[in-house]
Amino acid sequence: MTRAKAIKQNCFECSGDSHKEVTLCCVPGCPLYPYRFGNSAASGAYKTRMRLAKKRYPEEYAEAMALQKANS
């Protein structure tokens, strides 16, 4: 298993096997947080996934971003 797949699997298990919860994770203190999708936060795939989350789950997205900001 690659490092990226291992990180992605860990985050998936941590979030209760929910892709939505991985996307909306609000634990930025976790060392794996920036890589939770198997990509770095600077990658296009990461940015696309976050844009889709904002569109699909607007209320949950806003709440997760507020929690993230408060925890930073």
N, C-alpha and C. Protein backbone atom coordinates (compact mmCIF):
# COMPACT_ATOMS: atom_id res chain seq x y z
N MET A 1 0.85 -1.18 0.00
CA MET A 1 0.00 0.00 0.00
C MET A 1 0.90 1.24 0.00
N THR A 2 0.52 2.21 -0.80
CA THR A 2 1.31 3.44 -0.86
C THR A 2 1.02 4.30 0.37
N ARG A 3 1.90 5.25 0.61
CA ARG A 3 1.73 6.16 1.74
C ARG A 3 0.41 6.93 1.60
N ALA A 4 0.12 7.42 0.42
CA ALA A 4 -1.11 8.18 0.20
C ALA A 4 -2.35 7.33 0.48
N LYS A 5 -2.35 6.09 0.03
CA LYS A 5 -3.48 5.20 0.27
C LYS A 5 -3.62 4.88 1.75
N ALA A 6 -2.51 4.72 2.45
CA ALA A 6 -2.55 4.44 3.88
C ALA A 6 -3.14 5.63 4.64
N ILE A 7 -2.75 6.83 4.27
CA ILE A 7 -3.29 8.03 4.93
C ILE A 7 -4.78 8.14 4.65
N LYS A 8 -5.16 7.95 3.40
CA LYS A 8 -6.56 8.04 3.02
C LYS A 8 -7.40 7.00 3.78
N GLN A 9 -6.89 5.79 3.90
CA GLN A 9 -7.59 4.73 4.62
C GLN A 9 -7.71 5.06 6.11
N ASN A 10 -6.65 5.59 6.69
CA ASN A 10 -6.68 5.97 8.11
C ASN A 10 -7.76 7.03 8.34
N CYS A 11 -7.80 8.04 7.50
CA CYS A 11 -8.80 9.11 7.65
C CYS A 11 -10.21 8.57 7.45
N PHE A 12 -10.37 7.66 6.52
CA PHE A 12 -11.68 7.07 6.25
C PHE A 12 -12.16 6.30 7.49
N GLU A 13 -11.29 5.52 8.08
CA GLU A 13 -11.64 4.77 9.29
C GLU A 13 -11.93 5.71 10.46
N CYS A 14 -11.12 6.75 10.61
CA CYS A 14 -11.29 7.72 11.70
C CYS A 14 -12.63 8.43 11.61
N SER A 15 -13.12 8.65 10.40
CA SER A 15 -14.36 9.39 10.19
C SER A 15 -15.59 8.50 10.17
N GLY A 16 -15.45 7.27 10.59
CA GLY A 16 -16.59 6.36 10.61
C GLY A 16 -16.97 5.86 9.24
N ASP A 17 -15.97 5.67 8.39
CA ASP A 17 -16.16 5.16 7.02
C ASP A 17 -17.07 6.06 6.19
N SER A 18 -16.95 7.37 6.37
CA SER A 18 -17.77 8.33 5.65
C SER A 18 -16.90 9.28 4.83
N HIS A 19 -17.06 9.23 3.52
CA HIS A 19 -16.30 10.14 2.66
C HIS A 19 -16.67 11.60 2.96
N LYS A 20 -17.93 11.83 3.26
CA LYS A 20 -18.39 13.18 3.59
C LYS A 20 -17.67 13.69 4.83
N GLU A 21 -17.54 12.85 5.85
CA GLU A 21 -16.88 13.27 7.08
C GLU A 21 -15.38 13.48 6.89
N VAL A 22 -14.77 12.73 6.00
CA VAL A 22 -13.36 12.96 5.69
C VAL A 22 -13.22 14.34 5.05
N THR A 23 -14.08 14.64 4.12
CA THR A 23 -14.05 15.93 3.44
C THR A 23 -14.27 17.08 4.42
N LEU A 24 -15.23 16.92 5.32
CA LEU A 24 -15.60 17.99 6.24
C LEU A 24 -14.88 17.88 7.58
N CYS A 25 -13.82 17.14 7.63
CA CYS A 25 -13.04 16.96 8.86
C CYS A 25 -12.66 18.32 9.46
N CYS A 26 -12.85 18.43 10.76
CA CYS A 26 -12.50 19.70 11.43
C CYS A 26 -11.48 19.46 12.54
N VAL A 27 -10.49 18.63 12.24
CA VAL A 27 -9.40 18.37 13.18
C VAL A 27 -8.08 18.78 12.50
N PRO A 28 -7.91 20.08 12.26
CA PRO A 28 -6.71 20.52 11.55
C PRO A 28 -5.42 20.28 12.33
N GLY A 29 -5.52 19.96 13.62
CA GLY A 29 -4.33 19.65 14.41
C GLY A 29 -3.76 18.28 14.10
N CYS A 30 -4.51 17.45 13.40
CA CYS A 30 -4.03 16.12 13.03
C CYS A 30 -2.92 16.27 11.99
N PRO A 31 -1.80 15.57 12.17
CA PRO A 31 -0.71 15.70 11.20
C PRO A 31 -1.07 15.18 9.80
N LEU A 32 -2.11 14.36 9.71
CA LEU A 32 -2.53 13.83 8.41
C LEU A 32 -3.60 14.69 7.74
N TYR A 33 -4.11 15.68 8.44
CA TYR A 33 -5.21 16.51 7.94
C TYR A 33 -4.98 17.05 6.52
N PRO A 34 -3.84 17.64 6.22
CA PRO A 34 -3.68 18.20 4.87
C PRO A 34 -3.63 17.13 3.77
N TYR A 35 -3.45 15.88 4.15
CA TYR A 35 -3.32 14.80 3.16
C TYR A 35 -4.48 13.82 3.22
N ARG A 36 -5.59 14.20 3.85
CA ARG A 36 -6.67 13.26 4.11
C ARG A 36 -7.33 12.69 2.87
N PHE A 37 -7.16 13.34 1.73
CA PHE A 37 -7.71 12.80 0.49
C PHE A 37 -6.69 11.98 -0.29
N GLY A 38 -5.50 11.83 0.26
CA GLY A 38 -4.44 11.15 -0.46
C GLY A 38 -3.66 12.12 -1.34
N ASN A 39 -3.99 13.41 -1.23
CA ASN A 39 -3.32 14.47 -1.99
C ASN A 39 -2.99 15.60 -1.04
N SER A 40 -2.04 16.42 -1.41
CA SER A 40 -1.73 17.57 -0.57
C SER A 40 -2.78 18.66 -0.78
N ALA A 41 -2.85 19.59 0.14
CA ALA A 41 -3.82 20.67 0.06
C ALA A 41 -3.60 21.57 -1.14
N ALA A 42 -2.41 21.54 -1.72
CA ALA A 42 -2.11 22.37 -2.88
C ALA A 42 -2.53 21.73 -4.20
N SER A 43 -2.93 20.47 -4.17
CA SER A 43 -3.25 19.78 -5.42
C SER A 43 -4.61 20.19 -5.97
N GLY A 44 -4.76 20.04 -7.24
CA GLY A 44 -6.03 20.34 -7.90
C GLY A 44 -7.14 19.43 -7.44
N ALA A 45 -6.83 18.15 -7.20
CA ALA A 45 -7.84 17.19 -6.74
C ALA A 45 -8.41 17.60 -5.39
N TYR A 46 -7.56 18.07 -4.51
CA TYR A 46 -7.98 18.53 -3.17
C TYR A 46 -8.93 19.72 -3.32
N LYS A 47 -8.53 20.69 -4.10
CA LYS A 47 -9.34 21.90 -4.28
C LYS A 47 -10.68 21.58 -4.92
N THR A 48 -10.68 20.67 -5.89
CA THR A 48 -11.93 20.27 -6.54
C THR A 48 -12.86 19.61 -5.55
N ARG A 49 -12.32 18.73 -4.71
CA ARG A 49 -13.15 18.03 -3.73
C ARG A 49 -13.76 19.02 -2.74
N MET A 50 -13.01 20.02 -2.33
CA MET A 50 -13.54 21.00 -1.40
C MET A 50 -14.61 21.88 -2.05
N ARG A 51 -14.41 22.23 -3.33
CA ARG A 51 -15.44 23.00 -4.04
C ARG A 51 -16.74 22.20 -4.14
N LEU A 52 -16.62 20.91 -4.44
CA LEU A 52 -17.81 20.06 -4.52
C LEU A 52 -18.50 19.94 -3.17
N ALA A 53 -17.72 19.82 -2.11
CA ALA A 53 -18.30 19.73 -0.76
C ALA A 53 -19.06 21.00 -0.42
N LYS A 54 -18.51 22.13 -0.79
CA LYS A 54 -19.18 23.41 -0.52
C LYS A 54 -20.51 23.48 -1.26
N LYS A 55 -20.55 22.93 -2.46
CA LYS A 55 -21.76 22.95 -3.27
C LYS A 55 -22.78 21.91 -2.76
N ARG A 56 -22.31 20.70 -2.42
CA ARG A 56 -23.20 19.62 -2.01
C ARG A 56 -23.71 19.75 -0.57
N TYR A 57 -22.87 20.24 0.31
CA TYR A 57 -23.21 20.31 1.73
C TYR A 57 -22.96 21.73 2.26
N PRO A 58 -23.69 22.72 1.78
CA PRO A 58 -23.36 24.10 2.13
C PRO A 58 -23.39 24.39 3.64
N GLU A 59 -24.38 23.88 4.35
CA GLU A 59 -24.47 24.15 5.78
C GLU A 59 -23.36 23.45 6.55
N GLU A 60 -23.16 22.16 6.25
CA GLU A 60 -22.11 21.41 6.93
C GLU A 60 -20.73 21.96 6.59
N TYR A 61 -20.55 22.39 5.35
CA TYR A 61 -19.27 22.96 4.93
C TYR A 61 -18.98 24.24 5.73
N ALA A 62 -19.97 25.12 5.83
CA ALA A 62 -19.79 26.37 6.57
C ALA A 62 -19.46 26.09 8.04
N GLU A 63 -20.14 25.11 8.62
CA GLU A 63 -19.90 24.76 10.01
C GLU A 63 -18.48 24.19 10.19
N ALA A 64 -18.08 23.31 9.28
CA ALA A 64 -16.73 22.70 9.35
C ALA A 64 -15.64 23.76 9.19
N MET A 65 -15.84 24.71 8.30
CA MET A 65 -14.85 25.75 8.09
C MET A 65 -14.77 26.68 9.31
N ALA A 66 -15.92 26.95 9.95
CA ALA A 66 -15.92 27.77 11.16
C ALA A 66 -15.19 27.05 12.28
N LEU A 67 -15.43 25.75 12.43
CA LEU A 67 -14.72 24.96 13.45
C LEU A 67 -13.23 24.91 13.17
N GLN A 68 -12.90 24.74 11.90
CA GLN A 68 -11.48 24.70 11.52
C GLN A 68 -10.80 26.00 11.86
N LYS A 69 -11.45 27.11 11.56
CA LYS A 69 -10.88 28.43 11.84
C LYS A 69 -10.72 28.63 13.35
N ALA A 70 -11.70 28.18 14.12
CA ALA A 70 -11.65 28.32 15.57
C ALA A 70 -10.54 27.46 16.19
N ASN A 71 -10.27 26.31 15.58
CA ASN A 71 -9.24 25.39 16.09
C ASN A 71 -7.83 25.75 15.64
N SER A 72 -7.73 26.66 14.69
CA SER A 72 -6.41 27.03 14.16
C SER A 72 -5.68 27.99 15.05
